[in-house]
């Protein structure tokens, strides 16, 4: 199973803080996270269970984009 949640992935790259990233995935009373979507809840009810796979994929896909942004 490939776990890639783009908004949560950007949170990871910006903070590299597991707790903040998981909280962004879950959302809060003011803003729902990507984990609130019904399909996502079914395939990934707890991001911490696949966090290392998620971060590896997030970094491999988004770090090149972040590097390009920093070059500007």
N, C-alpha and C. Protein backbone atom coordinates (compact mmCIF):
# COMPACT_ATOMS: atom_id res chain seq x y z
N UNK A 1 0.85 -1.18 0.00
CA UNK A 1 0.00 0.00 0.00
C UNK A 1 0.90 1.24 0.00
N UNK A 2 0.63 2.15 -0.89
CA UNK A 2 1.37 3.41 -0.96
C UNK A 2 0.60 4.46 -0.18
N UNK A 3 1.25 5.01 0.83
CA UNK A 3 0.63 6.06 1.64
C UNK A 3 1.29 7.38 1.30
N UNK A 4 0.58 8.20 0.53
CA UNK A 4 1.07 9.53 0.20
C UNK A 4 -0.08 10.51 0.34
N UNK A 5 0.08 11.44 1.23
CA UNK A 5 -0.92 12.47 1.50
C UNK A 5 -0.21 13.80 1.35
N UNK A 6 -0.43 14.52 0.25
CA UNK A 6 0.40 15.67 -0.11
C UNK A 6 0.46 16.80 0.93
N UNK A 7 -0.66 17.19 1.49
CA UNK A 7 -0.62 18.27 2.49
C UNK A 7 0.16 17.84 3.72
N UNK A 8 -0.04 16.63 4.13
CA UNK A 8 0.68 16.10 5.28
C UNK A 8 2.16 15.95 4.95
N UNK A 9 2.47 15.56 3.72
CA UNK A 9 3.87 15.42 3.31
C UNK A 9 4.59 16.76 3.35
N UNK A 10 3.93 17.82 2.90
CA UNK A 10 4.56 19.15 2.97
C UNK A 10 4.80 19.56 4.42
N UNK A 11 3.87 19.20 5.30
CA UNK A 11 4.05 19.50 6.73
C UNK A 11 5.31 18.81 7.25
N UNK A 12 5.52 17.56 6.85
CA UNK A 12 6.70 16.82 7.27
C UNK A 12 7.97 17.51 6.77
N UNK A 13 7.98 17.91 5.50
CA UNK A 13 9.18 18.53 4.94
C UNK A 13 9.46 19.89 5.58
N UNK A 14 8.42 20.61 5.95
CA UNK A 14 8.62 21.93 6.56
C UNK A 14 9.11 21.82 8.00
N UNK A 15 8.62 20.83 8.76
CA UNK A 15 8.91 20.78 10.19
C UNK A 15 9.80 19.62 10.61
N UNK A 16 9.76 18.51 9.88
CA UNK A 16 10.42 17.27 10.26
C UNK A 16 10.08 16.88 11.70
N UNK A 17 8.85 17.18 12.09
CA UNK A 17 8.35 16.87 13.42
C UNK A 17 7.23 15.85 13.29
N UNK A 18 7.46 14.65 13.80
CA UNK A 18 6.47 13.58 13.64
C UNK A 18 5.15 13.95 14.29
N UNK A 19 5.16 14.52 15.47
CA UNK A 19 3.91 14.86 16.16
C UNK A 19 3.11 15.90 15.38
N UNK A 20 3.76 16.94 14.88
CA UNK A 20 3.05 17.97 14.10
C UNK A 20 2.51 17.39 12.81
N UNK A 21 3.27 16.49 12.20
CA UNK A 21 2.84 15.88 10.94
C UNK A 21 1.61 15.00 11.16
N UNK A 22 1.64 14.18 12.19
CA UNK A 22 0.49 13.32 12.49
C UNK A 22 -0.72 14.17 12.86
N UNK A 23 -0.50 15.25 13.60
CA UNK A 23 -1.62 16.13 13.96
C UNK A 23 -2.21 16.80 12.71
N UNK A 24 -1.35 17.18 11.76
CA UNK A 24 -1.85 17.76 10.51
C UNK A 24 -2.67 16.74 9.73
N UNK A 25 -2.25 15.48 9.76
CA UNK A 25 -2.98 14.41 9.09
C UNK A 25 -4.36 14.21 9.72
N UNK A 26 -4.41 14.24 11.06
CA UNK A 26 -5.68 14.06 11.78
C UNK A 26 -6.59 15.27 11.67
N UNK A 27 -6.00 16.47 11.67
CA UNK A 27 -6.80 17.68 11.67
C UNK A 27 -7.16 18.08 13.09
N UNK A 28 -7.98 19.10 13.21
CA UNK A 28 -8.43 19.57 14.52
C UNK A 28 -9.84 20.12 14.39
N UNK A 29 -10.33 20.76 15.43
CA UNK A 29 -11.71 21.24 15.41
C UNK A 29 -11.94 22.37 14.41
N UNK A 30 -10.86 23.02 13.97
CA UNK A 30 -11.00 24.14 13.04
C UNK A 30 -10.73 23.75 11.59
N UNK A 31 -9.96 22.70 11.39
CA UNK A 31 -9.56 22.31 10.03
C UNK A 31 -9.44 20.79 9.97
N UNK A 32 -10.12 20.18 9.02
CA UNK A 32 -10.00 18.73 8.90
C UNK A 32 -8.71 18.38 8.17
N UNK A 33 -8.10 17.30 8.58
CA UNK A 33 -6.87 16.84 7.94
C UNK A 33 -7.18 15.83 6.85
N UNK A 34 -6.15 15.41 6.14
CA UNK A 34 -6.34 14.42 5.07
C UNK A 34 -6.82 13.09 5.62
N UNK A 35 -6.51 12.81 6.87
CA UNK A 35 -6.94 11.56 7.49
C UNK A 35 -8.43 11.52 7.79
N UNK A 36 -9.12 12.64 7.66
CA UNK A 36 -10.55 12.69 7.93
C UNK A 36 -11.38 12.16 6.76
N UNK A 37 -10.78 12.04 5.58
CA UNK A 37 -11.50 11.52 4.42
C UNK A 37 -11.84 10.04 4.65
N UNK A 38 -13.03 9.65 4.29
CA UNK A 38 -13.53 8.30 4.57
C UNK A 38 -12.63 7.22 3.97
N UNK A 39 -12.24 7.37 2.72
CA UNK A 39 -11.38 6.37 2.09
C UNK A 39 -10.04 6.29 2.80
N UNK A 40 -9.47 7.42 3.15
CA UNK A 40 -8.19 7.44 3.85
C UNK A 40 -8.31 6.78 5.21
N UNK A 41 -9.40 7.01 5.91
CA UNK A 41 -9.62 6.37 7.21
C UNK A 41 -9.65 4.85 7.06
N UNK A 42 -10.18 4.39 5.95
CA UNK A 42 -10.26 2.95 5.73
C UNK A 42 -8.89 2.33 5.48
N UNK A 43 -8.07 2.99 4.66
CA UNK A 43 -6.77 2.41 4.31
C UNK A 43 -5.66 2.80 5.27
N UNK A 44 -5.83 3.90 5.98
CA UNK A 44 -4.79 4.36 6.91
C UNK A 44 -5.42 5.06 8.11
N UNK A 45 -5.97 4.29 9.03
CA UNK A 45 -6.60 4.92 10.19
C UNK A 45 -5.60 5.57 11.14
N UNK A 46 -4.34 5.12 11.09
CA UNK A 46 -3.32 5.65 11.99
C UNK A 46 -2.01 5.83 11.22
N UNK A 47 -1.67 7.06 10.92
CA UNK A 47 -0.47 7.35 10.12
C UNK A 47 0.81 6.89 10.83
N UNK A 48 0.80 6.86 12.15
CA UNK A 48 2.01 6.47 12.87
C UNK A 48 2.41 5.03 12.59
N UNK A 49 1.46 4.19 12.17
CA UNK A 49 1.77 2.80 11.86
C UNK A 49 2.60 2.64 10.59
N UNK A 50 2.52 3.60 9.69
CA UNK A 50 3.29 3.52 8.43
C UNK A 50 4.11 4.79 8.23
N UNK A 51 4.50 5.42 9.33
CA UNK A 51 5.15 6.74 9.25
C UNK A 51 6.47 6.69 8.50
N UNK A 52 7.29 5.69 8.73
CA UNK A 52 8.59 5.65 8.04
C UNK A 52 8.42 5.50 6.53
N UNK A 53 7.46 4.68 6.09
CA UNK A 53 7.20 4.53 4.66
C UNK A 53 6.65 5.83 4.08
N UNK A 54 5.76 6.47 4.84
CA UNK A 54 5.18 7.75 4.40
C UNK A 54 6.27 8.81 4.23
N UNK A 55 7.14 8.95 5.21
CA UNK A 55 8.17 9.99 5.12
C UNK A 55 9.17 9.70 4.01
N UNK A 56 9.51 8.44 3.82
CA UNK A 56 10.43 8.10 2.73
C UNK A 56 9.84 8.48 1.38
N UNK A 57 8.58 8.17 1.18
CA UNK A 57 7.92 8.51 -0.08
C UNK A 57 7.77 10.02 -0.23
N UNK A 58 7.38 10.70 0.84
CA UNK A 58 7.23 12.15 0.80
C UNK A 58 8.54 12.82 0.42
N UNK A 59 9.63 12.37 1.02
CA UNK A 59 10.93 12.96 0.73
C UNK A 59 11.37 12.67 -0.70
N UNK A 60 11.15 11.45 -1.16
CA UNK A 60 11.60 11.12 -2.52
C UNK A 60 10.81 11.89 -3.57
N UNK A 61 9.54 12.16 -3.31
CA UNK A 61 8.72 12.87 -4.29
C UNK A 61 8.83 14.39 -4.19
N UNK A 62 8.92 14.92 -2.98
CA UNK A 62 8.81 16.36 -2.80
C UNK A 62 10.13 17.10 -2.55
N UNK A 63 11.16 16.40 -2.10
CA UNK A 63 12.43 17.11 -1.89
C UNK A 63 12.99 17.73 -3.17
N UNK A 64 12.88 17.06 -4.33
CA UNK A 64 13.34 17.72 -5.56
C UNK A 64 12.57 19.01 -5.85
N UNK A 65 11.29 19.03 -5.58
CA UNK A 65 10.50 20.27 -5.77
C UNK A 65 10.93 21.34 -4.79
N UNK A 66 11.20 20.95 -3.58
CA UNK A 66 11.65 21.91 -2.57
C UNK A 66 13.00 22.48 -2.95
N UNK A 67 13.88 21.65 -3.50
CA UNK A 67 15.19 22.12 -3.94
C UNK A 67 15.07 23.12 -5.09
N UNK A 68 14.16 22.85 -6.01
CA UNK A 68 13.93 23.79 -7.12
C UNK A 68 13.40 25.14 -6.60
N UNK A 69 12.52 25.06 -5.62
CA UNK A 69 11.96 26.29 -5.05
C UNK A 69 13.05 27.13 -4.38
N UNK A 70 13.98 26.46 -3.72
CA UNK A 70 15.05 27.18 -3.02
C UNK A 70 16.04 27.79 -4.00
N UNK A 71 16.15 27.26 -5.21
CA UNK A 71 17.07 27.80 -6.22
C UNK A 71 16.60 29.13 -6.75
N UNK A 72 15.32 29.41 -6.65
CA UNK A 72 14.78 30.65 -7.22
C UNK A 72 15.13 31.84 -6.38
